C-alpha atoms as a PDB file:
ATOM      1  CA  UNK A   1     -49.127 -17.309  30.352  1.00  0.00           C
ATOM      2  CA  UNK A   2     -50.714 -13.915  31.116  1.00  0.00           C
ATOM      3  CA  UNK A   3     -47.336 -12.208  32.510  1.00  0.00           C
ATOM      4  CA  UNK A   4     -45.394 -13.735  29.838  1.00  0.00           C
ATOM      5  CA  UNK A   5     -47.860 -12.088  26.733  1.00  0.00           C
ATOM      6  CA  UNK A   6     -47.388  -8.628  29.116  1.00  0.00           C
ATOM      7  CA  UNK A   7     -43.701  -9.049  28.211  1.00  0.00           C
ATOM      8  CA  UNK A   8     -44.070 -10.117  24.544  1.00  0.00           C
ATOM      9  CA  UNK A   9     -46.851  -8.035  23.657  1.00  0.00           C
ATOM     10  CA  UNK A  10     -46.536  -5.303  20.709  1.00  0.00           C
ATOM     11  CA  UNK A  11     -44.644  -1.907  21.777  1.00  0.00           C
ATOM     12  CA  UNK A  12     -46.809   0.695  22.624  1.00  0.00           C
ATOM     13  CA  UNK A  13     -45.385   2.986  20.210  1.00  0.00           C
ATOM     14  CA  UNK A  14     -44.663   0.736  16.627  1.00  0.00           C
ATOM     15  CA  UNK A  15     -43.521   3.647  14.817  1.00  0.00           C
ATOM     16  CA  UNK A  16     -40.296   3.432  16.745  1.00  0.00           C
ATOM     17  CA  UNK A  17     -40.220  -0.173  16.559  1.00  0.00           C
ATOM     18  CA  UNK A  18     -40.554  -0.115  12.990  1.00  0.00           C
ATOM     19  CA  UNK A  19     -38.290   2.879  12.169  1.00  0.00           C
ATOM     20  CA  UNK A  20     -35.510   2.350  15.165  1.00  0.00           C
ATOM     21  CA  UNK A  21     -33.264  -0.115  15.596  1.00  0.00           C
ATOM     22  CA  UNK A  22     -33.625  -2.112  19.109  1.00  0.00           C
ATOM     23  CA  UNK A  23     -36.276  -0.964  19.728  1.00  0.00           C
ATOM     24  CA  UNK A  24     -38.783  -3.858  18.838  1.00  0.00           C
ATOM     25  CA  UNK A  25     -37.481  -6.678  20.804  1.00  0.00           C
ATOM     26  CA  UNK A  26     -35.975  -6.568  24.404  1.00  0.00           C
ATOM     27  CA  UNK A  27     -33.574  -9.284  23.270  1.00  0.00           C
ATOM     28  CA  UNK A  28     -30.601  -6.854  22.084  1.00  0.00           C
ATOM     29  CA  UNK A  29     -30.792  -4.938  25.294  1.00  0.00           C
ATOM     30  CA  UNK A  30     -31.018  -7.731  27.259  1.00  0.00           C
ATOM     31  CA  UNK A  31     -28.435  -9.623  25.675  1.00  0.00           C
ATOM     32  CA  UNK A  32     -26.163  -6.229  25.788  1.00  0.00           C
ATOM     33  CA  UNK A  33     -26.755  -5.762  29.278  1.00  0.00           C
ATOM     34  CA  UNK A  34     -25.950  -9.781  30.131  1.00  0.00           C
ATOM     35  CA  UNK A  35     -22.673  -9.164  28.106  1.00  0.00           C
ATOM     36  CA  UNK A  36     -22.095  -5.491  30.117  1.00  0.00           C
ATOM     37  CA  UNK A  37     -22.066  -7.628  33.728  1.00  0.00           C
ATOM     38  CA  UNK A  38     -20.698 -10.566  32.620  1.00  0.00           C
ATOM     39  CA  UNK A  39     -17.518  -8.738  31.846  1.00  0.00           C
ATOM     40  CA  UNK A  40     -17.599  -6.146  34.134  1.00  0.00           C
ATOM     41  CA  UNK A  41     -18.129  -8.642  37.305  1.00  0.00           C
ATOM     42  CA  UNK A  42     -16.054 -11.833  35.775  1.00  0.00           C
ATOM     43  CA  UNK A  43     -14.819 -11.996  32.940  1.00  0.00           C
ATOM     44  CA  UNK A  44     -13.215  -8.770  32.555  1.00  0.00           C
ATOM     45  CA  UNK A  45     -11.165  -8.863  35.380  1.00  0.00           C
ATOM     46  CA  UNK A  46      -9.834 -12.594  34.417  1.00  0.00           C
ATOM     47  CA  UNK A  47      -8.824 -11.279  31.245  1.00  0.00           C
ATOM     48  CA  UNK A  48      -6.935  -8.277  32.962  1.00  0.00           C
ATOM     49  CA  UNK A  49      -5.607 -10.432  35.751  1.00  0.00           C
ATOM     50  CA  UNK A  50      -2.034 -10.853  34.246  1.00  0.00           C
ATOM     51  CA  UNK A  51      -2.397  -7.993  31.954  1.00  0.00           C
ATOM     52  CA  UNK A  52      -0.871  -4.226  32.925  1.00  0.00           C
ATOM     53  CA  UNK A  53      -3.753  -1.434  32.668  1.00  0.00           C
ATOM     54  CA  UNK A  54      -4.307   0.041  29.387  1.00  0.00           C
ATOM     55  CA  UNK A  55      -3.703   3.509  29.061  1.00  0.00           C
ATOM     56  CA  UNK A  56      -6.775   5.308  27.681  1.00  0.00           C
ATOM     57  CA  UNK A  57      -6.550   8.713  27.542  1.00  0.00           C
ATOM     58  CA  UNK A  58      -6.652   9.534  24.143  1.00  0.00           C
ATOM     59  CA  UNK A  59     -10.168   7.099  23.737  1.00  0.00           C
ATOM     60  CA  UNK A  60     -11.372   8.414  26.821  1.00  0.00           C
ATOM     61  CA  UNK A  61     -11.011  12.557  26.064  1.00  0.00           C
ATOM     62  CA  UNK A  62     -12.682  11.433  23.125  1.00  0.00           C
ATOM     63  CA  UNK A  63     -15.421   9.321  24.828  1.00  0.00           C
ATOM     64  CA  UNK A  64     -16.072  11.965  27.399  1.00  0.00           C
ATOM     65  CA  UNK A  65     -15.825  14.736  25.227  1.00  0.00           C
ATOM     66  CA  UNK A  66     -18.552  13.414  22.835  1.00  0.00           C
ATOM     67  CA  UNK A  67     -20.913  12.218  26.045  1.00  0.00           C
ATOM     68  CA  UNK A  68     -20.748  15.940  27.278  1.00  0.00           C
ATOM     69  CA  UNK A  69     -21.599  17.176  23.876  1.00  0.00           C
ATOM     70  CA  UNK A  70     -24.743  14.614  23.373  1.00  0.00           C
ATOM     71  CA  UNK A  71     -25.803  14.841  26.969  1.00  0.00           C
ATOM     72  CA  UNK A  72     -25.842  18.618  26.320  1.00  0.00           C
ATOM     73  CA  UNK A  73     -28.248  18.544  23.358  1.00  0.00           C
ATOM     74  CA  UNK A  74     -30.518  16.082  25.063  1.00  0.00           C
ATOM     75  CA  UNK A  75     -30.583  18.597  27.761  1.00  0.00           C
ATOM     76  CA  UNK A  76     -31.167  21.518  25.760  1.00  0.00           C
ATOM     77  CA  UNK A  77     -34.338  19.279  23.741  1.00  0.00           C
ATOM     78  CA  UNK A  78     -35.630  18.448  27.215  1.00  0.00           C
ATOM     79  CA  UNK A  79     -35.653  22.052  27.733  1.00  0.00           C
ATOM     80  CA  UNK A  80     -37.161  22.753  24.874  1.00  0.00           C
ATOM     81  CA  UNK A  81     -39.802  20.257  24.915  1.00  0.00           C
ATOM     82  CA  UNK A  82     -41.048  21.472  28.894  1.00  0.00           C
ATOM     83  CA  UNK A  83     -40.186  25.277  29.087  1.00  0.00           C
ATOM     84  CA  UNK A  84     -38.809  26.682  25.605  1.00  0.00           C
ATOM     85  CA  UNK A  85     -41.752  25.718  23.438  1.00  0.00           C
ATOM     86  CA  UNK A  86     -44.040  23.815  25.998  1.00  0.00           C
ATOM     87  CA  UNK A  87     -45.487  20.791  24.472  1.00  0.00           C
ATOM     88  CA  UNK A  88     -46.851  19.382  27.571  1.00  0.00           C
ATOM     89  CA  UNK A  89     -48.624  20.082  30.283  1.00  0.00           C
ATOM     90  CA  UNK A  90     -46.533  20.010  33.390  1.00  0.00           C
ATOM     91  CA  UNK A  91     -48.991  19.017  36.023  1.00  0.00           C
ATOM     92  CA  UNK A  92     -49.142  15.767  33.768  1.00  0.00           C
ATOM     93  CA  UNK A  93     -46.926  14.583  31.380  1.00  0.00           C
ATOM     94  CA  UNK A  94     -48.231  12.423  28.560  1.00  0.00           C
ATOM     95  CA  UNK A  95     -46.995  11.560  25.048  1.00  0.00           C
ATOM     96  CA  UNK A  96     -47.778  13.826  22.317  1.00  0.00           C
ATOM     97  CA  UNK A  97     -50.736  12.355  19.846  1.00  0.00           C
ATOM     98  CA  UNK A  98     -49.338  10.909  16.290  1.00  0.00           C
ATOM     99  CA  UNK A  99     -50.685  13.706  14.211  1.00  0.00           C
ATOM    100  CA  UNK A 100     -49.076  16.178  16.648  1.00  0.00           C
ATOM    101  CA  UNK A 101     -46.407  18.153  14.924  1.00  0.00           C
ATOM    102  CA  UNK A 102     -43.700  17.451  17.626  1.00  0.00           C
ATOM    103  CA  UNK A 103     -43.862  13.980  17.827  1.00  0.00           C
ATOM    104  CA  UNK A 104     -41.202  13.028  15.082  1.00  0.00           C
ATOM    105  CA  UNK A 105     -39.015  15.025  17.646  1.00  0.00           C
ATOM    106  CA  UNK A 106     -40.446  13.032  20.652  1.00  0.00           C
ATOM    107  CA  UNK A 107     -39.831  10.045  19.717  1.00  0.00           C
ATOM    108  CA  UNK A 108     -35.977  11.065  18.392  1.00  0.00           C
ATOM    109  CA  UNK A 109     -35.365  12.335  21.578  1.00  0.00           C
ATOM    110  CA  UNK A 110     -36.857   9.234  23.392  1.00  0.00           C
ATOM    111  CA  UNK A 111     -34.576   7.323  21.392  1.00  0.00           C
ATOM    112  CA  UNK A 112     -31.497   9.112  21.388  1.00  0.00           C
ATOM    113  CA  UNK A 113     -31.855   8.586  25.140  1.00  0.00           C
ATOM    114  CA  UNK A 114     -32.395   5.377  25.424  1.00  0.00           C
ATOM    115  CA  UNK A 115     -28.663   4.943  22.803  1.00  0.00           C
ATOM    116  CA  UNK A 116     -27.099   7.119  25.075  1.00  0.00           C
ATOM    117  CA  UNK A 117     -28.005   4.667  28.895  1.00  0.00           C
ATOM    118  CA  UNK A 118     -26.418   2.137  26.491  1.00  0.00           C
ATOM    119  CA  UNK A 119     -23.229   4.242  25.720  1.00  0.00           C
ATOM    120  CA  UNK A 120     -23.080   4.994  29.028  1.00  0.00           C
ATOM    121  CA  UNK A 121     -21.776   1.370  30.083  1.00  0.00           C
ATOM    122  CA  UNK A 122     -18.559   1.975  28.398  1.00  0.00           C
ATOM    123  CA  UNK A 123     -17.908   3.847  31.717  1.00  0.00           C
ATOM    124  CA  UNK A 124     -17.225   0.143  33.564  1.00  0.00           C
ATOM    125  CA  UNK A 125     -15.141  -1.647  30.312  1.00  0.00           C
ATOM    126  CA  UNK A 126     -12.942   1.372  31.335  1.00  0.00           C
ATOM    127  CA  UNK A 127     -12.354   1.192  34.672  1.00  0.00           C
ATOM    128  CA  UNK A 128     -11.774  -2.815  34.089  1.00  0.00           C
ATOM    129  CA  UNK A 129      -9.566  -1.974  31.415  1.00  0.00           C
ATOM    130  CA  UNK A 130      -7.587   0.293  33.117  1.00  0.00           C
ATOM    131  CA  UNK A 131      -8.033  -1.832  36.366  1.00  0.00           C
ATOM    132  CA  UNK A 132      -9.625   0.742  38.313  1.00  0.00           C
ATOM    133  CA  UNK A 133     -11.424  -2.034  40.347  1.00  0.00           C
ATOM    134  CA  UNK A 134     -12.567   0.603  43.112  1.00  0.00           C
ATOM    135  CA  UNK A 135     -14.913   2.187  40.935  1.00  0.00           C
ATOM    136  CA  UNK A 136     -17.077  -0.245  39.894  1.00  0.00           C
ATOM    137  CA  UNK A 137     -19.307  -0.089  42.830  1.00  0.00           C
ATOM    138  CA  UNK A 138     -22.806  -1.709  43.892  1.00  0.00           C
ATOM    139  CA  UNK A 139     -24.026   1.790  42.453  1.00  0.00           C
ATOM    140  CA  UNK A 140     -22.394   2.203  39.209  1.00  0.00           C
ATOM    141  CA  UNK A 141     -23.214  -0.890  38.213  1.00  0.00           C
ATOM    142  CA  UNK A 142     -27.195  -0.704  39.415  1.00  0.00           C
ATOM    143  CA  UNK A 143     -27.370   2.562  38.333  1.00  0.00           C
ATOM    144  CA  UNK A 144     -26.377   1.862  34.696  1.00  0.00           C
ATOM    145  CA  UNK A 145     -28.076  -1.141  34.276  1.00  0.00           C
ATOM    146  CA  UNK A 146     -31.030   0.134  35.781  1.00  0.00           C
ATOM    147  CA  UNK A 147     -31.081   3.489  33.909  1.00  0.00           C
ATOM    148  CA  UNK A 148     -30.640   1.293  30.189  1.00  0.00           C
ATOM    149  CA  UNK A 149     -33.504  -1.682  30.918  1.00  0.00           C
ATOM    150  CA  UNK A 150     -36.005   0.832  32.389  1.00  0.00           C
ATOM    151  CA  UNK A 151     -35.306   3.525  29.269  1.00  0.00           C
ATOM    152  CA  UNK A 152     -36.151   0.390  27.042  1.00  0.00           C
ATOM    153  CA  UNK A 153     -39.422  -1.075  29.080  1.00  0.00           C
ATOM    154  CA  UNK A 154     -40.482   2.633  29.316  1.00  0.00           C
ATOM    155  CA  UNK A 155     -40.515   3.127  25.505  1.00  0.00           C
ATOM    156  CA  UNK A 156     -41.753  -0.301  24.922  1.00  0.00           C
ATOM    157  CA  UNK A 157     -44.782  -0.512  26.920  1.00  0.00           C
ATOM    158  CA  UNK A 158     -45.819   3.331  27.010  1.00  0.00           C
ATOM    159  CA  UNK A 159     -43.882   4.833  24.092  1.00  0.00           C
ATOM    160  CA  UNK A 160     -41.702   7.797  24.167  1.00  0.00           C
ATOM    161  CA  UNK A 161     -41.631   9.015  28.137  1.00  0.00           C
ATOM    162  CA  UNK A 162     -44.018  11.115  29.742  1.00  0.00           C
ATOM    163  CA  UNK A 163     -43.641  11.936  32.861  1.00  0.00           C
ATOM    164  CA  UNK A 164     -39.917  10.354  33.138  1.00  0.00           C
ATOM    165  CA  UNK A 165     -39.210  13.272  30.658  1.00  0.00           C
ATOM    166  CA  UNK A 166     -38.242  15.472  34.195  1.00  0.00           C
ATOM    167  CA  UNK A 167     -35.953  12.891  34.895  1.00  0.00           C
ATOM    168  CA  UNK A 168     -34.900  12.419  31.795  1.00  0.00           C
ATOM    169  CA  UNK A 169     -33.459  16.111  31.624  1.00  0.00           C
ATOM    170  CA  UNK A 170     -32.249  16.287  35.139  1.00  0.00           C
ATOM    171  CA  UNK A 171     -29.989  13.147  34.380  1.00  0.00           C
ATOM    172  CA  UNK A 172     -28.815  14.789  30.992  1.00  0.00           C
ATOM    173  CA  UNK A 173     -27.641  17.588  32.943  1.00  0.00           C
ATOM    174  CA  UNK A 174     -26.076  16.123  35.249  1.00  0.00           C
ATOM    175  CA  UNK A 175     -24.399  13.779  32.910  1.00  0.00           C
ATOM    176  CA  UNK A 176     -23.525  17.214  31.183  1.00  0.00           C
ATOM    177  CA  UNK A 177     -21.453  18.180  34.179  1.00  0.00           C
ATOM    178  CA  UNK A 178     -20.453  14.969  35.260  1.00  0.00           C
ATOM    179  CA  UNK A 179     -18.396  14.373  31.615  1.00  0.00           C
ATOM    180  CA  UNK A 180     -17.064  17.955  31.845  1.00  0.00           C
ATOM    181  CA  UNK A 181     -15.788  16.798  34.885  1.00  0.00           C
ATOM    182  CA  UNK A 182     -14.154  13.546  33.746  1.00  0.00           C
ATOM    183  CA  UNK A 183     -13.259  15.454  30.364  1.00  0.00           C
ATOM    184  CA  UNK A 184     -10.961  17.979  32.579  1.00  0.00           C
ATOM    185  CA  UNK A 185      -9.278  14.886  34.670  1.00  0.00           C
ATOM    186  CA  UNK A 186      -8.426  13.132  31.707  1.00  0.00           C
ATOM    187  CA  UNK A 187      -6.548  15.862  30.122  1.00  0.00           C
ATOM    188  CA  UNK A 188      -4.935  16.975  33.250  1.00  0.00           C
ATOM    189  CA  UNK A 189      -4.896  14.103  35.691  1.00  0.00           C
ATOM    190  CA  UNK A 190      -2.368  16.224  37.817  1.00  0.00           C
ATOM    191  CA  UNK A 191      -5.480  18.696  38.754  1.00  0.00           C
ATOM    192  CA  UNK A 192      -7.901  15.428  39.916  1.00  0.00           C
ATOM    193  CA  UNK A 193      -6.895  15.855  43.311  1.00  0.00           C
ATOM    194  CA  UNK A 194      -7.758  19.576  43.338  1.00  0.00           C
ATOM    195  CA  UNK A 195     -11.215  19.635  41.238  1.00  0.00           C
ATOM    196  CA  UNK A 196     -12.874  20.257  44.702  1.00  0.00           C
ATOM    197  CA  UNK A 197     -16.534  20.505  43.074  1.00  0.00           C
ATOM    198  CA  UNK A 198     -16.159  16.929  42.507  1.00  0.00           C
ATOM    199  CA  UNK A 199     -18.159  16.499  45.545  1.00  0.00           C
ATOM    200  CA  UNK A 200     -20.887  18.840  44.044  1.00  0.00           C
ATOM    201  CA  UNK A 201     -21.762  16.535  41.378  1.00  0.00           C
ATOM    202  CA  UNK A 202     -23.118  13.984  43.558  1.00  0.00           C
ATOM    203  CA  UNK A 203     -25.030  16.589  45.619  1.00  0.00           C
ATOM    204  CA  UNK A 204     -26.474  17.514  42.259  1.00  0.00           C
ATOM    205  CA  UNK A 205     -27.563  13.713  41.549  1.00  0.00           C
ATOM    206  CA  UNK A 206     -28.827  13.830  45.241  1.00  0.00           C
ATOM    207  CA  UNK A 207     -31.164  16.655  44.249  1.00  0.00           C
ATOM    208  CA  UNK A 208     -32.217  15.888  40.895  1.00  0.00           C
ATOM    209  CA  UNK A 209     -33.999  12.433  42.720  1.00  0.00           C
ATOM    210  CA  UNK A 210     -35.356  14.716  45.602  1.00  0.00           C
ATOM    211  CA  UNK A 211     -36.913  16.796  43.076  1.00  0.00           C
ATOM    212  CA  UNK A 212     -38.129  13.787  41.101  1.00  0.00           C
ATOM    213  CA  UNK A 213     -39.981  12.722  44.149  1.00  0.00           C
ATOM    214  CA  UNK A 214     -41.611  15.526  44.722  1.00  0.00           C
ATOM    215  CA  UNK A 215     -43.013  15.480  41.200  1.00  0.00           C
ATOM    216  CA  UNK A 216     -44.150  11.981  41.771  1.00  0.00           C
ATOM    217  CA  UNK A 217     -45.798  12.983  44.973  1.00  0.00           C
ATOM    218  CA  UNK A 218     -47.464  15.786  43.424  1.00  0.00           C
ATOM    219  CA  UNK A 219     -49.015  14.094  40.721  1.00  0.00           C
ATOM    220  CA  UNK A 220     -50.151  11.115  42.998  1.00  0.00           C
ATOM    221  CA  UNK A 221     -51.173  13.654  45.235  1.00  0.00           C
ATOM    222  CA  UNK A 222     -52.966  16.693  44.129  1.00  0.00           C
ATOM    223  CA  UNK A 223     -53.240  15.653  40.216  1.00  0.00           C
ATOM    224  CA  UNK A 224     -55.069  11.599  40.591  1.00  0.00           C
ATOM    225  CA  UNK A 225     -56.703  11.533  37.333  1.00  0.00           C
ATOM    226  CA  UNK A 226     -53.403  12.040  35.223  1.00  0.00           C
ATOM    227  CA  UNK A 227     -53.529   9.578  32.430  1.00  0.00           C
ATOM    228  CA  UNK A 228     -49.809   8.492  32.979  1.00  0.00           C
ATOM    229  CA  UNK A 229     -49.569   4.763  34.105  1.00  0.00           C
ATOM    230  CA  UNK A 230     -49.919   5.076  38.078  1.00  0.00           C
ATOM    231  CA  UNK A 231     -47.813   2.268  37.894  1.00  0.00           C
ATOM    232  CA  UNK A 232     -44.852   3.716  36.193  1.00  0.00           C
ATOM    233  CA  UNK A 233     -45.168   6.625  38.317  1.00  0.00           C
ATOM    234  CA  UNK A 234     -44.631   4.475  41.488  1.00  0.00           C
ATOM    235  CA  UNK A 235     -41.643   3.167  40.039  1.00  0.00           C
ATOM    236  CA  UNK A 236     -40.268   6.532  39.604  1.00  0.00           C
ATOM    237  CA  UNK A 237     -41.193   7.309  43.345  1.00  0.00           C
ATOM    238  CA  UNK A 238     -39.661   3.708  44.371  1.00  0.00           C
ATOM    239  CA  UNK A 239     -36.348   3.909  42.375  1.00  0.00           C
ATOM    240  CA  UNK A 240     -35.913   7.821  43.504  1.00  0.00           C
ATOM    241  CA  UNK A 241     -36.153   7.004  46.872  1.00  0.00           C
ATOM    242  CA  UNK A 242     -33.771   4.144  46.365  1.00  0.00           C
ATOM    243  CA  UNK A 243     -31.161   6.353  44.359  1.00  0.00           C
ATOM    244  CA  UNK A 244     -31.407   8.907  47.174  1.00  0.00           C
ATOM    245  CA  UNK A 245     -30.288   6.697  49.842  1.00  0.00           C
ATOM    246  CA  UNK A 246     -27.532   4.974  47.499  1.00  0.00           C
ATOM    247  CA  UNK A 247     -25.805   8.523  46.467  1.00  0.00           C
ATOM    248  CA  UNK A 248     -26.425   9.725  49.921  1.00  0.00           C
ATOM    249  CA  UNK A 249     -24.063   6.170  51.443  1.00  0.00           C
ATOM    250  CA  UNK A 250     -21.851   7.548  48.265  1.00  0.00           C
ATOM    251  CA  UNK A 251     -21.616  10.634  49.467  1.00  0.00           C
ATOM    252  CA  UNK A 252     -20.787  10.170  53.274  1.00  0.00           C
ATOM    253  CA  UNK A 253     -18.036   7.670  52.369  1.00  0.00           C
ATOM    254  CA  UNK A 254     -16.702   9.356  49.987  1.00  0.00           C
ATOM    255  CA  UNK A 255     -16.581  13.243  51.411  1.00  0.00           C
ATOM    256  CA  UNK A 256     -17.782  12.771  55.077  1.00  0.00           C
ATOM    257  CA  UNK A 257     -15.803  10.371  56.860  1.00  0.00           C
ATOM    258  CA  UNK A 258     -12.446  10.727  55.157  1.00  0.00           C
ATOM    259  CA  UNK A 259     -12.763  14.605  55.955  1.00  0.00           C
ATOM    260  CA  UNK A 260     -13.868  13.136  59.888  1.00  0.00           C
ATOM    261  CA  UNK A 261     -10.724  11.172  59.772  1.00  0.00           C
ATOM    262  CA  UNK A 262      -8.920  13.765  59.020  1.00  0.00           C
ATOM    263  CA  UNK A 263      -9.705  16.255  61.505  1.00  0.00           C
ATOM    264  CA  UNK A 264      -9.256  13.808  63.699  1.00  0.00           C
ATOM    265  CA  UNK A 265      -5.349  13.366  62.759  1.00  0.00           C
END
């Protein structure tokens, strides 16, 4: 019963729950993610079984371009709040007081970041509709679900992002570069094989998780008085470690082993 009370307790920031859709209850995001998993893992493939892959070039061009701009704007606001007009102590980032003049901006950035993690799910939907099943890996699906669900629960239990602001800022930078690549490869599919910098997107993804591990360890070891919830700090440390392992394995499988095989030939 105590565990049940934890998960149904009121949001940490009642203003966000009252004024911003999908935040007041975990039900909407849970339903969205369940429908997502059912579609991409089973029913989508059943739907496409006797159909030809859909030509989604124009839709994907618009989607990738919008995502590139969306993430670039979020990245700018992250840099603005952390570096350009710093409102946080980088040694221990906690949410702003309700009377802080930048509180409204902090809320809005956290909210539109959460919405973006739900919008990211369309990536996999497009894979299914194009029958690009080999791209629907465990890493891909886990990453999307984890980011969408954890974004909601951090906002619900803590309010905005706190220490996760660094993670969100790095994540939006990576996604800006990634969606730029997707946009170029969708517009000029004949260049896809010659876009040599694709593998560096994976390297940047690995680097961001290394930075997050360093951030977590720096706070846990050198600033234990930080008031950001320690359980969330350990959660970031754990998830960053898991993601490094999976992205390194992906990098080896995608770029190192094929190169070794070609060299042997």
